[in-house]
Amino acid sequence: MLELPVRHLITSLAIPSIISMLCTSFYNMADTFFVSKIDTAATAAVGVTFASMAIMQALAFFFGMGSGNAVSRLLGAGKRDAAHGMISTSFFYAFCCGLVVALGGNFFVSDIAVLTGSTPTILPYAIQYLSVILWGAPVMMCSLLMNNHLRFQGSSSLGMIGIMAGGFLNVLLDPLFIFYFHQGVAGAAYATVLSQIVSFCILFCMTRRGGNIPFRLRDVHPSWPVFKEIVAGGAPSLTRQGTTSVATICLNVAAGAYGDAAIAAMSIVTRLSFFAAAVIIGFGQGFQPVCGFSYGARKFSRLRQGFSFAVTFGTTFACVVSVVAFLFASSIIALFRDDPAVISIGIWALRCQCVTFPFTALVVITNMTLQTTRHTLGAMVVAAGRSGIFLIPALLLLPYFFGLAGLVWCQSLSDILAFILAFFLIRLFFKEIPKTDMVLQKTVTEPQLAAGRK
């Protein structure tokens, strides 16, 4: 982690992370694709439940990123015993949190469906889908947690295997449950939960391979210092995913003023954007262990080199994807729904998103850099910028003044403002850290002192 060439190392770590992120997004994409064959209301229902799934993912990334960032710094500093306690304790926290979400969410499932933007025609579908998905919360959250733990230990390829297996299984099970077993929208949810259970089992086994640190009950030590580290490292992820969820709710409510077709179109574009962003996020996740180890070992020149490489790759990829999606927007939207109204709004929204999508890379990599190096406040500000500080007010104001045009341009405006904010904060960060590497001073432990006295 500290000796291999930066570009080769980040790329080798990023490829499994990218595949894992793409497979994670397959759950949402596959459900949207197959459910769209039912009708427009069913398509919109899966779209409005995305906010609830985003909250579950936010909590999972809160524990996974928070503990994973701490683990990479601890391993970089040679503190393996502390890393053992961090991994097992965070697993315990995530599982308990998932149980609370599953039980509490199902108790208020109809209220949640309405709150996230369900119209009367969408509501029955949304309840069917969401009530099943919520029961998978403990498994889904622990799967994402273990994937992050493997990635931060430099074993992202092992995490990829577990996530990829579940993603492809979901694609196979969706049509089986929806059409063959005639379960409709609920069938998509059953397929997703079963696939997540398979992912969980595989990932649990993978954490016991090689030199990775596994979950062990004897290493579970709930304490304020451990939770404080998780909060410091995970709060930006919770902020990013949480504001995304709130923004999705606002988007659904704003789109609802223009009918179910608008909700369906905007949800399709949101899923497509997330799918494309998964590659940038995955590459950033490949950079994070390098960032954490380098920062912990005080190799700042290596950190700078890795950041530059990650931003360059992400921006180049985003430009290529944006051009392709802009040119073939009509064909892409038509894959999901043949409703003329959905296609018309979807093309418009997708092309608006393509105009500013290249700005995403700097925002994502900046957020991950600040988060991994424990610059929590800056990371939270960047995380909240795009979907919270900028997008939510835009969704409340622009549709009011400009109608549907304001709705489809909201996300593009937020991308531009988030880019400016991230650019300013990352410049401050690199001015703060030394330009040259520092020698890491090892702490002398009590056993070493005793041995020396003998």
Protein backbone atom coordinates (compact mmCIF):
# COMPACT_ATOMS: atom_id res chain seq x y z
CA MET A 1 0.00 0.00 0.00
CA LEU A 2 2.92 2.37 0.61
CA GLU A 3 5.46 1.16 -1.94
CA LEU A 4 3.75 0.20 -5.22
CA PRO A 5 3.44 2.90 -7.94
CA VAL A 6 0.39 5.03 -7.15
CA ARG A 7 -1.35 4.75 -10.52
CA HIS A 8 -0.97 0.99 -10.70
CA LEU A 9 -2.07 0.54 -7.10
CA ILE A 10 -5.15 2.77 -7.36
CA THR A 11 -6.21 1.15 -10.61
CA SER A 12 -5.84 -2.37 -9.19
CA LEU A 13 -7.91 -1.40 -6.15
CA ALA A 14 -10.42 0.63 -8.16
CA ILE A 15 -11.41 -2.01 -10.71
CA PRO A 16 -12.99 -4.34 -8.10
CA SER A 17 -14.55 -1.32 -6.36
CA ILE A 18 -16.05 -0.08 -9.63
CA ILE A 19 -17.50 -3.51 -10.35
CA SER A 20 -18.88 -3.67 -6.79
CA MET A 21 -20.51 -0.25 -7.17
CA LEU A 22 -21.98 -1.16 -10.54
CA CYS A 23 -23.34 -4.41 -9.15
CA THR A 24 -24.83 -2.55 -6.19
CA SER A 25 -26.58 -0.22 -8.62
CA PHE A 26 -27.81 -3.28 -10.54
CA TYR A 27 -30.25 -3.88 -7.70
CA ASN A 28 -31.96 -0.56 -8.43
CA MET A 29 -31.50 -0.64 -12.20
CA ALA A 30 -32.79 -4.21 -12.57
CA ASP A 31 -35.84 -3.54 -10.40
CA THR A 32 -36.62 -0.38 -12.39
CA PHE A 33 -36.13 -2.12 -15.75
CA PHE A 34 -38.31 -5.16 -15.07
CA VAL A 35 -40.99 -3.34 -13.07
CA SER A 36 -41.30 -0.80 -15.90
CA LYS A 37 -42.78 -3.62 -18.01
CA ILE A 38 -45.84 -3.60 -15.70
CA ASP A 39 -47.01 0.02 -16.06
CA THR A 40 -46.01 3.64 -15.42
CA ALA A 41 -47.39 3.72 -11.86
CA ALA A 42 -45.33 0.66 -10.90
CA THR A 43 -42.21 2.25 -12.41
CA ALA A 44 -42.84 5.42 -10.41
CA ALA A 45 -43.41 3.36 -7.25
CA VAL A 46 -39.93 1.84 -7.41
CA GLY A 47 -38.63 5.34 -8.01
CA VAL A 48 -40.20 6.86 -4.91
CA THR A 49 -38.89 4.03 -2.72
CA PHE A 50 -35.36 4.92 -3.80
CA ALA A 51 -35.28 7.54 -1.04
CA SER A 52 -35.91 4.87 1.61
CA MET A 53 -33.21 2.62 0.18
CA ALA A 54 -30.87 5.60 0.11
CA ILE A 55 -31.42 6.06 3.86
CA MET A 56 -30.52 2.41 4.51
CA GLN A 57 -27.42 2.79 2.35
CA ALA A 58 -26.59 6.03 4.16
CA LEU A 59 -26.59 4.25 7.50
CA ALA A 60 -24.56 1.36 6.07
CA PHE A 61 -21.94 3.71 4.64
CA PHE A 62 -21.92 5.67 7.89
CA PHE A 63 -20.71 2.58 9.76
CA GLY A 64 -18.70 1.15 6.85
CA MET A 65 -16.87 4.32 5.82
CA GLY A 66 -16.48 5.52 9.39
CA SER A 67 -14.87 2.32 10.60
CA GLY A 68 -13.08 1.64 7.31
CA ASN A 69 -11.34 5.01 7.28
CA ALA A 70 -10.18 4.42 10.85
CA VAL A 71 -8.99 0.91 9.96
CA SER A 72 -6.86 2.15 7.04
CA ARG A 73 -5.20 4.76 9.26
CA LEU A 74 -4.65 2.24 12.08
CA LEU A 75 -3.09 -0.31 9.73
CA GLY A 76 -0.96 2.40 8.12
CA ALA A 77 0.30 3.28 11.61
CA GLY A 78 0.88 -0.40 12.51
CA LYS A 79 -1.94 -0.67 15.10
CA ARG A 80 -3.54 -3.96 14.06
CA ASP A 81 -5.08 -4.85 17.44
CA ALA A 82 -7.08 -1.62 17.47
CA ALA A 83 -8.23 -2.36 13.92
CA HIS A 84 -9.62 -5.74 15.10
CA GLY A 85 -11.83 -4.03 17.68
CA MET A 86 -12.98 -1.37 15.21
CA ILE A 87 -14.12 -3.90 12.59
CA SER A 88 -16.04 -6.20 14.95
CA THR A 89 -17.66 -3.42 16.94
CA SER A 90 -18.82 -1.57 13.83
CA PHE A 91 -20.36 -4.81 12.49
CA PHE A 92 -22.33 -5.14 15.73
CA TYR A 93 -23.51 -1.52 15.50
CA ALA A 94 -24.58 -1.91 11.85
CA PHE A 95 -26.56 -5.11 12.48
CA CYS A 96 -28.43 -3.60 15.44
CA CYS A 97 -29.21 -0.48 13.43
CA GLY A 98 -30.53 -2.63 10.57
CA LEU A 99 -32.90 -4.44 12.93
CA VAL A 100 -34.29 -1.11 14.14
CA VAL A 101 -34.83 0.04 10.54
CA ALA A 102 -36.56 -3.22 9.58
CA LEU A 103 -38.95 -3.23 12.53
CA GLY A 104 -39.65 0.49 12.71
CA GLY A 105 -39.87 0.90 8.94
CA ASN A 106 -42.48 -1.83 8.51
CA PHE A 107 -44.56 -0.40 11.34
CA PHE A 108 -44.80 2.94 9.49
CA VAL A 109 -44.47 1.64 5.91
CA SER A 110 -47.56 3.38 4.50
CA ASP A 111 -46.58 6.71 6.08
CA ILE A 112 -43.07 6.38 4.68
CA ALA A 113 -44.42 5.67 1.19
CA VAL A 114 -46.58 8.80 1.28
CA LEU A 115 -43.76 10.91 2.73
CA THR A 116 -41.37 9.88 -0.06
CA GLY A 117 -43.73 11.15 -2.75
CA SER A 118 -46.26 8.41 -3.51
CA THR A 119 -49.43 9.56 -5.23
CA PRO A 120 -52.72 7.68 -4.65
CA THR A 121 -52.15 5.61 -7.81
CA ILE A 122 -48.54 4.81 -6.84
CA LEU A 123 -49.13 4.08 -3.14
CA PRO A 124 -50.29 0.42 -3.34
CA TYR A 125 -47.26 -0.53 -5.44
CA ALA A 126 -44.89 1.40 -3.19
CA ILE A 127 -46.16 -0.34 -0.04
CA GLN A 128 -45.81 -3.77 -1.67
CA TYR A 129 -42.21 -3.09 -2.66
CA LEU A 130 -41.03 -1.22 0.42
CA SER A 131 -42.50 -3.57 3.04
CA VAL A 132 -40.37 -6.41 1.68
CA ILE A 133 -37.20 -4.36 1.10
CA LEU A 134 -37.17 -3.11 4.70
CA TRP A 135 -36.84 -6.65 6.10
CA GLY A 136 -33.53 -6.95 4.28
CA ALA A 137 -32.05 -3.89 6.03
CA PRO A 138 -29.79 -5.78 8.53
CA VAL A 139 -28.33 -7.98 5.79
CA MET A 140 -27.90 -5.16 3.28
CA MET A 141 -26.23 -2.85 5.80
CA CYS A 142 -23.79 -5.51 7.02
CA SER A 143 -22.95 -6.50 3.44
CA LEU A 144 -22.02 -2.93 2.53
CA LEU A 145 -20.07 -2.67 5.80
CA MET A 146 -17.99 -5.79 5.07
CA ASN A 147 -17.37 -4.65 1.50
CA ASN A 148 -15.96 -1.39 2.84
CA HIS A 149 -13.81 -3.22 5.39
CA LEU A 150 -12.29 -5.42 2.69
CA ARG A 151 -11.68 -2.43 0.45
CA PHE A 152 -9.93 -0.37 3.13
CA GLN A 153 -7.65 -3.33 3.86
CA GLY A 154 -6.62 -3.50 0.21
CA SER A 155 -8.80 -6.56 -0.61
CA SER A 156 -11.40 -4.90 -2.79
CA SER A 157 -11.33 -7.85 -5.21
CA LEU A 158 -12.74 -10.12 -2.49
CA GLY A 159 -15.50 -7.63 -1.74
CA MET A 160 -16.24 -7.44 -5.45
CA ILE A 161 -16.96 -11.17 -5.58
CA GLY A 162 -19.66 -10.97 -2.92
CA ILE A 163 -21.34 -7.84 -4.28
CA MET A 164 -21.13 -9.02 -7.89
CA ALA A 165 -22.70 -12.39 -7.09
CA GLY A 166 -25.68 -10.70 -5.47
CA GLY A 167 -26.07 -8.16 -8.27
CA PHE A 168 -26.17 -10.74 -11.04
CA LEU A 169 -28.43 -13.02 -9.02
CA ASN A 170 -30.88 -10.15 -8.64
CA VAL A 171 -30.99 -9.68 -12.42
CA LEU A 172 -31.86 -13.37 -12.81
CA LEU A 173 -34.42 -13.51 -10.01
CA ASP A 174 -36.31 -10.31 -10.92
CA PRO A 175 -38.16 -11.67 -14.00
CA LEU A 176 -38.66 -15.01 -12.24
CA PHE A 177 -40.48 -13.50 -9.25
CA ILE A 178 -42.23 -10.68 -11.12
CA PHE A 179 -43.59 -12.60 -14.11
CA TYR A 180 -43.26 -16.36 -13.54
CA PHE A 181 -44.44 -16.36 -9.91
CA HIS A 182 -46.80 -13.41 -10.64
CA GLN A 183 -45.61 -11.42 -7.62
CA GLY A 184 -45.52 -8.11 -9.47
CA VAL A 185 -43.73 -5.23 -7.73
CA ALA A 186 -43.31 -7.29 -4.54
CA GLY A 187 -41.47 -9.91 -6.62
CA ALA A 188 -38.74 -7.40 -7.42
CA ALA A 189 -38.31 -6.79 -3.70
CA TYR A 190 -38.16 -10.52 -2.91
CA ALA A 191 -35.47 -10.94 -5.57
CA THR A 192 -33.46 -8.07 -4.12
CA VAL A 193 -33.58 -9.35 -0.53
CA LEU A 194 -32.66 -12.92 -1.49
CA SER A 195 -29.75 -11.63 -3.56
CA GLN A 196 -28.53 -9.53 -0.65
CA ILE A 197 -28.61 -12.56 1.64
CA VAL A 198 -26.37 -14.44 -0.81
CA SER A 199 -23.99 -11.44 -0.95
CA PHE A 200 -23.88 -11.31 2.84
CA CYS A 201 -22.89 -14.99 3.15
CA ILE A 202 -20.16 -14.69 0.53
CA LEU A 203 -18.72 -11.49 2.01
CA PHE A 204 -18.76 -13.00 5.51
CA CYS A 205 -16.59 -15.85 4.20
CA MET A 206 -14.30 -13.47 2.31
CA THR A 207 -13.45 -11.52 5.46
CA ARG A 208 -11.82 -14.72 6.75
CA ARG A 209 -9.50 -15.13 3.78
CA GLY A 210 -5.91 -13.97 3.52
CA GLY A 211 -4.71 -11.42 6.01
CA ASN A 212 -8.05 -9.66 6.37
CA ILE A 213 -9.52 -8.96 9.78
CA PRO A 214 -12.76 -10.93 10.37
CA PHE A 215 -15.76 -10.17 12.56
CA ARG A 216 -15.41 -11.93 15.94
CA LEU A 217 -17.73 -11.65 18.91
CA ARG A 218 -14.82 -11.51 21.35
CA ASP A 219 -13.56 -8.37 19.61
CA VAL A 220 -16.87 -6.51 20.04
CA HIS A 221 -16.24 -3.69 22.53
CA PRO A 222 -18.91 -0.98 22.29
CA SER A 223 -17.44 2.22 23.65
CA TRP A 224 -17.57 5.95 23.13
CA PRO A 225 -14.04 6.23 21.62
CA VAL A 226 -14.87 3.62 18.97
CA PHE A 227 -18.23 5.20 18.16
CA LYS A 228 -16.60 8.63 18.07
CA GLU A 229 -14.16 7.40 15.39
CA ILE A 230 -17.03 5.96 13.38
CA VAL A 231 -18.92 9.25 13.62
CA ALA A 232 -15.87 11.27 12.58
CA GLY A 233 -15.20 9.11 9.54
CA GLY A 234 -18.78 8.20 8.66
CA ALA A 235 -20.66 11.47 9.19
CA PRO A 236 -19.76 12.78 5.69
CA SER A 237 -21.16 9.59 4.10
CA LEU A 238 -24.30 9.84 6.21
CA THR A 239 -24.63 13.49 5.22
CA ARG A 240 -24.11 12.75 1.53
CA GLN A 241 -26.51 9.82 1.38
CA GLY A 242 -28.98 11.42 3.77
CA THR A 243 -29.24 14.64 1.79
CA THR A 244 -29.54 12.56 -1.38
CA SER A 245 -32.52 10.81 0.17
CA VAL A 246 -34.16 14.08 1.20
CA ALA A 247 -33.45 15.56 -2.23
CA THR A 248 -35.02 12.50 -3.89
CA ILE A 249 -38.15 12.99 -1.81
CA CYS A 250 -38.28 16.67 -2.84
CA LEU A 251 -37.73 15.64 -6.46
CA ASN A 252 -40.59 13.15 -6.33
CA VAL A 253 -42.92 15.67 -4.73
CA ALA A 254 -41.98 18.36 -7.27
CA ALA A 255 -42.38 15.93 -10.18
CA GLY A 256 -45.72 14.77 -8.81
CA ALA A 257 -47.22 18.12 -9.83
CA TYR A 258 -46.73 17.02 -13.46
CA GLY A 259 -48.18 13.50 -13.05
CA ASP A 260 -46.94 9.92 -12.66
CA ALA A 261 -45.11 10.14 -16.00
CA ALA A 262 -42.88 12.91 -14.65
CA ILE A 263 -42.11 10.92 -11.49
CA ALA A 264 -41.28 7.84 -13.58
CA ALA A 265 -39.08 9.84 -15.97
CA MET A 266 -37.14 11.61 -13.24
CA SER A 267 -36.64 8.37 -11.29
CA ILE A 268 -35.26 6.66 -14.42
CA VAL A 269 -32.81 9.51 -15.02
CA THR A 270 -31.80 9.45 -11.34
CA ARG A 271 -31.03 5.72 -11.55
CA LEU A 272 -29.06 6.21 -14.77
CA SER A 273 -27.05 9.04 -13.20
CA PHE A 274 -26.33 6.91 -10.14
CA PHE A 275 -25.24 4.03 -12.38
CA ALA A 276 -22.76 6.25 -14.24
CA ALA A 277 -21.57 7.91 -11.03
CA ALA A 278 -20.92 4.45 -9.59
CA VAL A 279 -17.81 4.20 -11.76
CA ILE A 280 -16.45 7.50 -10.43
CA ILE A 281 -17.34 6.55 -6.86
CA GLY A 282 -15.75 3.12 -7.34
CA PHE A 283 -12.54 4.69 -8.62
CA GLY A 284 -12.57 7.07 -5.68
CA GLN A 285 -12.98 4.11 -3.35
CA GLY A 286 -9.89 2.59 -4.95
CA PHE A 287 -8.07 5.81 -4.06
CA GLN A 288 -9.32 5.93 -0.46
CA PRO A 289 -7.12 3.14 1.00
CA VAL A 290 -4.09 4.71 -0.67
CA CYS A 291 -5.15 8.07 0.74
CA GLY A 292 -5.64 6.66 4.24
CA PHE A 293 -2.39 4.68 4.33
CA SER A 294 -0.41 7.59 2.84
CA TYR A 295 -1.90 10.10 5.27
CA GLY A 296 -1.32 7.78 8.23
CA ALA A 297 2.30 7.19 7.15
CA ARG A 298 2.79 10.93 6.41
CA LYS A 299 3.62 10.32 2.73
CA PHE A 300 1.94 13.48 1.48
CA SER A 301 3.49 13.55 -1.99
CA ARG A 302 1.97 10.12 -2.61
CA LEU A 303 -1.42 11.43 -1.48
CA ARG A 304 -1.20 14.38 -3.89
CA GLN A 305 -0.24 12.15 -6.78
CA GLY A 306 -3.13 9.77 -6.08
CA PHE A 307 -5.66 12.60 -5.84
CA SER A 308 -4.59 14.09 -9.16
CA PHE A 309 -4.79 10.72 -10.89
CA ALA A 310 -8.25 9.92 -9.47
CA VAL A 311 -9.72 13.30 -10.49
CA THR A 312 -8.25 13.08 -13.98
CA PHE A 313 -9.67 9.61 -14.57
CA GLY A 314 -13.09 10.48 -13.15
CA THR A 315 -13.44 13.66 -15.21
CA THR A 316 -12.37 11.94 -18.43
CA PHE A 317 -14.82 9.10 -17.89
CA ALA A 318 -17.65 11.52 -17.07
CA CYS A 319 -17.03 13.50 -20.27
CA VAL A 320 -17.19 10.38 -22.43
CA VAL A 321 -20.36 9.09 -20.75
CA SER A 322 -22.03 12.49 -21.01
CA VAL A 323 -21.44 12.75 -24.75
CA VAL A 324 -22.76 9.23 -25.39
CA ALA A 325 -25.84 9.69 -23.16
CA PHE A 326 -26.63 13.08 -24.71
CA LEU A 327 -26.55 11.68 -28.26
CA PHE A 328 -28.54 8.51 -27.50
CA ALA A 329 -30.87 9.87 -24.80
CA SER A 330 -34.02 8.83 -26.68
CA SER A 331 -32.97 5.19 -27.11
CA ILE A 332 -31.76 4.94 -23.50
CA ILE A 333 -35.00 6.21 -21.93
CA ALA A 334 -37.11 4.06 -24.29
CA LEU A 335 -35.41 0.94 -22.90
CA PHE A 336 -37.20 1.49 -19.61
CA ARG A 337 -40.64 2.71 -20.65
CA ASP A 338 -42.51 3.13 -23.94
CA ASP A 339 -44.85 5.80 -22.57
CA PRO A 340 -44.44 8.91 -24.83
CA ALA A 341 -44.81 11.29 -21.89
CA VAL A 342 -42.12 9.45 -19.88
CA ILE A 343 -39.76 9.41 -22.86
CA SER A 344 -40.26 13.10 -23.63
CA ILE A 345 -39.55 14.29 -20.08
CA GLY A 346 -36.79 11.71 -19.61
CA ILE A 347 -34.85 12.82 -22.69
CA TRP A 348 -34.97 16.42 -21.55
CA ALA A 349 -33.88 15.61 -18.00
CA LEU A 350 -31.10 13.23 -19.09
CA ARG A 351 -29.56 15.74 -21.51
CA CYS A 352 -29.63 18.47 -18.87
CA GLN A 353 -27.82 16.10 -16.50
CA CYS A 354 -25.21 15.29 -19.16
CA VAL A 355 -24.24 18.96 -19.52
CA THR A 356 -22.83 19.15 -15.97
CA PHE A 357 -22.07 15.51 -15.13
CA PRO A 358 -18.27 15.98 -15.72
CA PHE A 359 -18.19 18.27 -12.66
CA THR A 360 -19.07 15.27 -10.48
CA ALA A 361 -15.57 13.76 -10.35
CA LEU A 362 -13.86 16.57 -8.42
CA VAL A 363 -16.75 16.71 -5.94
CA VAL A 364 -16.66 12.96 -5.24
CA ILE A 365 -12.87 12.67 -4.90
CA THR A 366 -12.67 15.80 -2.75
CA ASN A 367 -15.32 14.44 -0.40
CA MET A 368 -13.49 11.11 -0.08
CA THR A 369 -10.11 12.78 0.50
CA LEU A 370 -11.40 15.01 3.30
CA GLN A 371 -13.36 12.13 4.83
CA THR A 372 -10.45 9.67 4.82
CA THR A 373 -8.01 12.18 6.31
CA ARG A 374 -10.51 12.97 9.10
CA HIS A 375 -11.31 16.51 7.94
CA THR A 376 -14.86 15.80 8.99
CA LEU A 377 -16.38 19.27 8.77
CA GLY A 378 -15.06 19.96 5.29
CA ALA A 379 -16.13 16.52 4.10
CA MET A 380 -19.63 17.04 5.50
CA VAL A 381 -19.95 20.42 3.79
CA VAL A 382 -18.95 18.91 0.43
CA ALA A 383 -21.22 15.92 1.01
CA ALA A 384 -24.19 18.14 1.80
CA GLY A 385 -23.45 20.60 -1.00
CA ARG A 386 -24.81 18.98 -4.13
CA SER A 387 -27.91 17.22 -2.77
CA GLY A 388 -28.61 19.37 0.26
CA ILE A 389 -27.35 22.94 0.33
CA PHE A 390 -27.94 23.51 -3.39
CA LEU A 391 -30.38 20.93 -4.79
CA ILE A 392 -33.15 21.06 -2.17
CA PRO A 393 -33.62 24.88 -2.36
CA ALA A 394 -33.45 24.64 -6.17
CA LEU A 395 -36.22 22.03 -6.17
CA LEU A 396 -38.36 24.27 -4.01
CA LEU A 397 -37.81 27.43 -6.08
CA LEU A 398 -37.05 26.68 -9.75
CA PRO A 399 -40.18 24.61 -10.55
CA TYR A 400 -42.28 27.36 -8.96
CA PHE A 401 -40.86 30.03 -11.28
CA PHE A 402 -40.02 28.01 -14.42
CA GLY A 403 -42.34 24.98 -14.26
CA LEU A 404 -41.11 21.70 -15.70
CA ALA A 405 -38.01 23.38 -17.17
CA GLY A 406 -36.99 24.43 -13.67
CA LEU A 407 -37.43 20.86 -12.45
CA VAL A 408 -35.18 19.26 -15.08
CA TRP A 409 -32.42 21.89 -14.69
CA CYS A 410 -32.27 21.74 -10.87
CA GLN A 411 -29.66 18.99 -10.69
CA SER A 412 -27.41 20.64 -13.28
CA LEU A 413 -27.35 23.90 -11.35
CA SER A 414 -26.50 21.97 -8.18
CA ASP A 415 -23.62 20.20 -9.94
CA ILE A 416 -22.03 23.54 -10.89
CA LEU A 417 -22.34 25.06 -7.42
CA ALA A 418 -21.06 21.87 -5.75
CA PHE A 419 -18.01 21.89 -8.04
CA ILE A 420 -17.12 25.46 -7.03
CA LEU A 421 -17.47 24.57 -3.33
CA ALA A 422 -15.33 21.42 -3.64
CA PHE A 423 -12.63 23.23 -5.61
CA PHE A 424 -12.33 25.88 -2.89
CA LEU A 425 -12.15 23.37 0.01
CA ILE A 426 -9.65 20.99 -1.60
CA ARG A 427 -7.31 23.90 -2.31
CA LEU A 428 -7.42 24.79 1.39
CA PHE A 429 -6.68 21.15 2.29
CA PHE A 430 -3.57 20.90 0.12
CA LYS A 431 -2.30 24.24 1.40
CA GLU A 432 -2.64 22.89 4.94
CA ILE A 433 -0.65 19.65 4.58
CA PRO A 434 3.15 19.68 4.04
CA LYS A 435 4.46 19.48 0.48
CA THR A 436 7.11 16.95 1.47
CA ASP A 437 6.90 13.59 3.28
CA MET A 438 7.47 13.29 7.03
CA VAL A 439 9.14 10.52 9.04
CA LEU A 440 6.56 8.63 11.12
CA GLN A 441 7.55 8.40 14.78
CA LYS A 442 6.59 5.01 16.24
CA THR A 443 5.06 5.00 19.71
CA VAL A 444 6.93 2.92 22.28
CA THR A 445 4.55 0.55 24.07
CA GLU A 446 4.67 -0.57 27.71
CA PRO A 447 5.73 -4.14 26.81
CA GLN A 448 8.63 -2.71 24.83
CA LEU A 449 9.69 -0.51 27.73
CA ALA A 450 9.55 -3.50 30.08
CA ALA A 451 11.65 -5.57 27.69
CA GLY A 452 14.15 -2.72 27.48
CA ARG A 453 14.43 -2.45 31.25
CA LYS A 454 15.12 -6.20 31.46
